[in-house]
Amino acid sequence: MNEEQLKEALSVSDEHPVIKAFLQIISDQEESEVLAGILPNLSAEDRAYNCGRAAAIKDLSSSIRLLRSASQLTSGRP
């Protein structure tokens, strides 16, 4: 899919069951990875790995939000 197709696919309402589930899964995973990164007694390597996973999920979440907001601006939908 190109960027325009992605924007169109993500332009559904936040209440659409698929997008609602998708955003919830990303949010839950992001929280889980952040908590895994701050566990006590982790080695430096394990902490770096867990924090890297959290950062990657956060970047994915930001990219999705950016595409969704861009599609809402061009479509006129809230």
N, C-alpha and C. Protein backbone atom coordinates (compact mmCIF):
# COMPACT_ATOMS: atom_id res chain seq x y z
N MET A 1 0.84 -1.18 0.00
CA MET A 1 0.00 0.00 0.00
C MET A 1 0.89 1.24 0.00
N ASN A 2 0.44 2.25 -0.73
CA ASN A 2 1.18 3.51 -0.68
C ASN A 2 0.63 4.36 0.48
N GLU A 3 1.25 5.51 0.69
CA GLU A 3 0.89 6.35 1.84
C GLU A 3 -0.57 6.81 1.77
N GLU A 4 -1.04 7.16 0.61
CA GLU A 4 -2.43 7.60 0.46
C GLU A 4 -3.40 6.47 0.82
N GLN A 5 -3.09 5.26 0.39
CA GLN A 5 -3.94 4.11 0.70
C GLN A 5 -3.93 3.84 2.21
N LEU A 6 -2.77 3.99 2.84
CA LEU A 6 -2.69 3.81 4.29
C LEU A 6 -3.54 4.85 5.01
N LYS A 7 -3.43 6.11 4.58
CA LYS A 7 -4.23 7.17 5.19
C LYS A 7 -5.72 6.87 5.06
N GLU A 8 -6.14 6.42 3.88
CA GLU A 8 -7.54 6.09 3.66
C GLU A 8 -7.98 4.93 4.54
N ALA A 9 -7.16 3.91 4.64
CA ALA A 9 -7.49 2.75 5.45
C ALA A 9 -7.59 3.10 6.93
N LEU A 10 -6.80 4.06 7.38
CA LEU A 10 -6.80 4.45 8.79
C LEU A 10 -7.76 5.60 9.09
N SER A 11 -8.54 6.02 8.11
CA SER A 11 -9.40 7.19 8.30
C SER A 11 -10.74 6.87 8.95
N VAL A 12 -10.94 5.63 9.35
CA VAL A 12 -12.20 5.26 10.00
C VAL A 12 -12.27 5.86 11.40
N SER A 13 -13.45 5.90 11.94
CA SER A 13 -13.68 6.45 13.27
C SER A 13 -12.91 5.67 14.34
N ASP A 14 -12.57 6.35 15.42
CA ASP A 14 -11.93 5.69 16.55
C ASP A 14 -12.84 4.61 17.15
N GLU A 15 -14.11 4.70 16.89
CA GLU A 15 -15.07 3.73 17.43
C GLU A 15 -15.24 2.50 16.53
N HIS A 16 -14.63 2.51 15.35
CA HIS A 16 -14.70 1.34 14.47
C HIS A 16 -14.05 0.18 15.23
N PRO A 17 -14.71 -0.99 15.29
CA PRO A 17 -14.19 -2.09 16.12
C PRO A 17 -12.77 -2.53 15.77
N VAL A 18 -12.42 -2.53 14.51
CA VAL A 18 -11.08 -2.98 14.12
C VAL A 18 -10.03 -1.97 14.56
N ILE A 19 -10.26 -0.69 14.29
CA ILE A 19 -9.27 0.32 14.67
C ILE A 19 -9.20 0.45 16.19
N LYS A 20 -10.34 0.32 16.85
CA LYS A 20 -10.37 0.40 18.32
C LYS A 20 -9.53 -0.73 18.93
N ALA A 21 -9.70 -1.95 18.40
CA ALA A 21 -8.92 -3.09 18.88
C ALA A 21 -7.44 -2.90 18.56
N PHE A 22 -7.14 -2.46 17.35
CA PHE A 22 -5.77 -2.26 16.92
C PHE A 22 -5.06 -1.25 17.81
N LEU A 23 -5.69 -0.11 18.07
CA LEU A 23 -5.08 0.92 18.91
C LEU A 23 -4.93 0.46 20.35
N GLN A 24 -5.88 -0.35 20.84
CA GLN A 24 -5.80 -0.88 22.20
C GLN A 24 -4.63 -1.86 22.32
N ILE A 25 -4.44 -2.71 21.32
CA ILE A 25 -3.32 -3.66 21.34
C ILE A 25 -1.99 -2.91 21.38
N ILE A 26 -1.86 -1.89 20.55
CA ILE A 26 -0.61 -1.11 20.53
C ILE A 26 -0.39 -0.43 21.88
N SER A 27 -1.43 0.16 22.43
CA SER A 27 -1.32 0.84 23.71
C SER A 27 -0.94 -0.13 24.83
N ASP A 28 -1.58 -1.29 24.86
CA ASP A 28 -1.27 -2.29 25.89
C ASP A 28 0.16 -2.78 25.78
N GLN A 29 0.62 -3.04 24.55
CA GLN A 29 1.99 -3.51 24.35
C GLN A 29 3.00 -2.45 24.73
N GLU A 30 2.69 -1.21 24.40
CA GLU A 30 3.59 -0.11 24.76
C GLU A 30 3.76 -0.03 26.27
N GLU A 31 2.65 -0.08 26.98
CA GLU A 31 2.69 -0.03 28.45
C GLU A 31 3.45 -1.23 29.01
N SER A 32 3.19 -2.41 28.48
CA SER A 32 3.86 -3.62 28.94
C SER A 32 5.38 -3.54 28.76
N GLU A 33 5.82 -3.05 27.62
CA GLU A 33 7.25 -2.96 27.36
C GLU A 33 7.92 -1.90 28.22
N VAL A 34 7.23 -0.80 28.49
CA VAL A 34 7.79 0.22 29.38
C VAL A 34 7.96 -0.37 30.78
N LEU A 35 6.94 -1.08 31.25
CA LEU A 35 7.03 -1.70 32.58
C LEU A 35 8.13 -2.76 32.62
N ALA A 36 8.30 -3.50 31.53
CA ALA A 36 9.37 -4.51 31.47
C ALA A 36 10.74 -3.85 31.51
N GLY A 37 10.83 -2.64 30.99
CA GLY A 37 12.11 -1.93 30.96
C GLY A 37 12.53 -1.37 32.30
N ILE A 38 11.59 -1.23 33.22
CA ILE A 38 11.94 -0.66 34.53
C ILE A 38 11.89 -1.69 35.66
N LEU A 39 11.84 -2.96 35.28
CA LEU A 39 11.86 -4.01 36.30
C LEU A 39 13.17 -3.95 37.08
N PRO A 40 13.10 -4.18 38.39
CA PRO A 40 14.35 -4.22 39.15
C PRO A 40 15.16 -5.47 38.79
N ASN A 41 16.41 -5.43 39.06
CA ASN A 41 17.32 -6.57 38.89
C ASN A 41 17.51 -7.00 37.44
N LEU A 42 17.28 -6.12 36.48
CA LEU A 42 17.58 -6.44 35.09
C LEU A 42 19.04 -6.14 34.81
N SER A 43 19.63 -6.92 33.94
CA SER A 43 20.99 -6.58 33.49
C SER A 43 20.87 -5.36 32.58
N ALA A 44 21.97 -4.71 32.36
CA ALA A 44 21.98 -3.53 31.47
C ALA A 44 21.52 -3.93 30.07
N GLU A 45 21.94 -5.10 29.63
CA GLU A 45 21.56 -5.57 28.29
C GLU A 45 20.06 -5.82 28.19
N ASP A 46 19.49 -6.47 29.21
CA ASP A 46 18.06 -6.74 29.20
C ASP A 46 17.24 -5.45 29.26
N ARG A 47 17.72 -4.51 30.08
CA ARG A 47 17.02 -3.22 30.19
C ARG A 47 17.06 -2.48 28.86
N ALA A 48 18.21 -2.48 28.22
CA ALA A 48 18.35 -1.81 26.92
C ALA A 48 17.44 -2.48 25.88
N TYR A 49 17.38 -3.79 25.89
CA TYR A 49 16.54 -4.53 24.95
C TYR A 49 15.06 -4.17 25.17
N ASN A 50 14.61 -4.22 26.43
CA ASN A 50 13.21 -3.92 26.73
C ASN A 50 12.86 -2.47 26.40
N CYS A 51 13.77 -1.56 26.70
CA CYS A 51 13.52 -0.15 26.39
C CYS A 51 13.52 0.08 24.88
N GLY A 52 14.35 -0.64 24.16
CA GLY A 52 14.36 -0.54 22.70
C GLY A 52 13.04 -1.01 22.11
N ARG A 53 12.49 -2.08 22.65
CA ARG A 53 11.19 -2.58 22.18
C ARG A 53 10.10 -1.53 22.48
N ALA A 54 10.15 -0.94 23.67
CA ALA A 54 9.17 0.08 24.03
C ALA A 54 9.27 1.28 23.08
N ALA A 55 10.49 1.68 22.77
CA ALA A 55 10.70 2.82 21.86
C ALA A 55 10.19 2.51 20.46
N ALA A 56 10.40 1.28 20.01
CA ALA A 56 9.92 0.90 18.67
C ALA A 56 8.39 0.92 18.61
N ILE A 57 7.75 0.43 19.64
CA ILE A 57 6.28 0.44 19.67
C ILE A 57 5.77 1.87 19.75
N LYS A 58 6.44 2.70 20.51
CA LYS A 58 6.07 4.12 20.61
C LYS A 58 6.20 4.80 19.25
N ASP A 59 7.27 4.50 18.52
CA ASP A 59 7.46 5.07 17.18
C ASP A 59 6.35 4.60 16.23
N LEU A 60 6.00 3.33 16.31
CA LEU A 60 4.91 2.80 15.49
C LEU A 60 3.60 3.52 15.81
N SER A 61 3.32 3.68 17.09
CA SER A 61 2.12 4.37 17.53
C SER A 61 2.08 5.81 17.02
N SER A 62 3.21 6.49 17.09
CA SER A 62 3.29 7.87 16.60
C SER A 62 3.06 7.95 15.10
N SER A 63 3.62 7.00 14.36
CA SER A 63 3.43 6.97 12.91
C SER A 63 1.96 6.75 12.54
N ILE A 64 1.31 5.87 13.26
CA ILE A 64 -0.11 5.60 13.01
C ILE A 64 -0.94 6.84 13.33
N ARG A 65 -0.65 7.49 14.46
CA ARG A 65 -1.38 8.72 14.82
C ARG A 65 -1.18 9.80 13.77
N LEU A 66 0.04 9.93 13.26
CA LEU A 66 0.33 10.93 12.24
C LEU A 66 -0.45 10.64 10.96
N LEU A 67 -0.47 9.39 10.53
CA LEU A 67 -1.24 9.03 9.33
C LEU A 67 -2.73 9.27 9.54
N ARG A 68 -3.22 8.92 10.73
CA ARG A 68 -4.65 9.11 11.01
C ARG A 68 -5.01 10.59 11.06
N SER A 69 -4.16 11.40 11.66
CA SER A 69 -4.47 12.84 11.74
C SER A 69 -4.38 13.47 10.36
N ALA A 70 -3.45 13.04 9.54
CA ALA A 70 -3.34 13.56 8.18
C ALA A 70 -4.57 13.19 7.36
N SER A 71 -5.08 11.99 7.54
CA SER A 71 -6.26 11.58 6.78
C SER A 71 -7.49 12.33 7.26
N GLN A 72 -7.55 12.64 8.54
CA GLN A 72 -8.70 13.39 9.05
C GLN A 72 -8.68 14.83 8.56
N LEU A 73 -7.49 15.40 8.42
CA LEU A 73 -7.39 16.78 7.91
C LEU A 73 -7.84 16.85 6.45
N THR A 74 -7.48 15.86 5.66
CA THR A 74 -7.82 15.90 4.24
C THR A 74 -9.25 15.44 3.97
N SER A 75 -9.80 14.61 4.85
CA SER A 75 -11.16 14.11 4.62
C SER A 75 -12.22 14.99 5.27
N GLY A 76 -11.79 15.81 6.24
CA GLY A 76 -12.75 16.64 6.94
C GLY A 76 -13.48 15.91 8.05
N ARG A 77 -13.09 14.65 8.30
CA ARG A 77 -13.74 13.88 9.37
C ARG A 77 -13.05 14.16 10.69
N PRO A 78 -13.82 14.18 11.79
CA PRO A 78 -13.22 14.42 13.11
C PRO A 78 -12.45 13.21 13.60
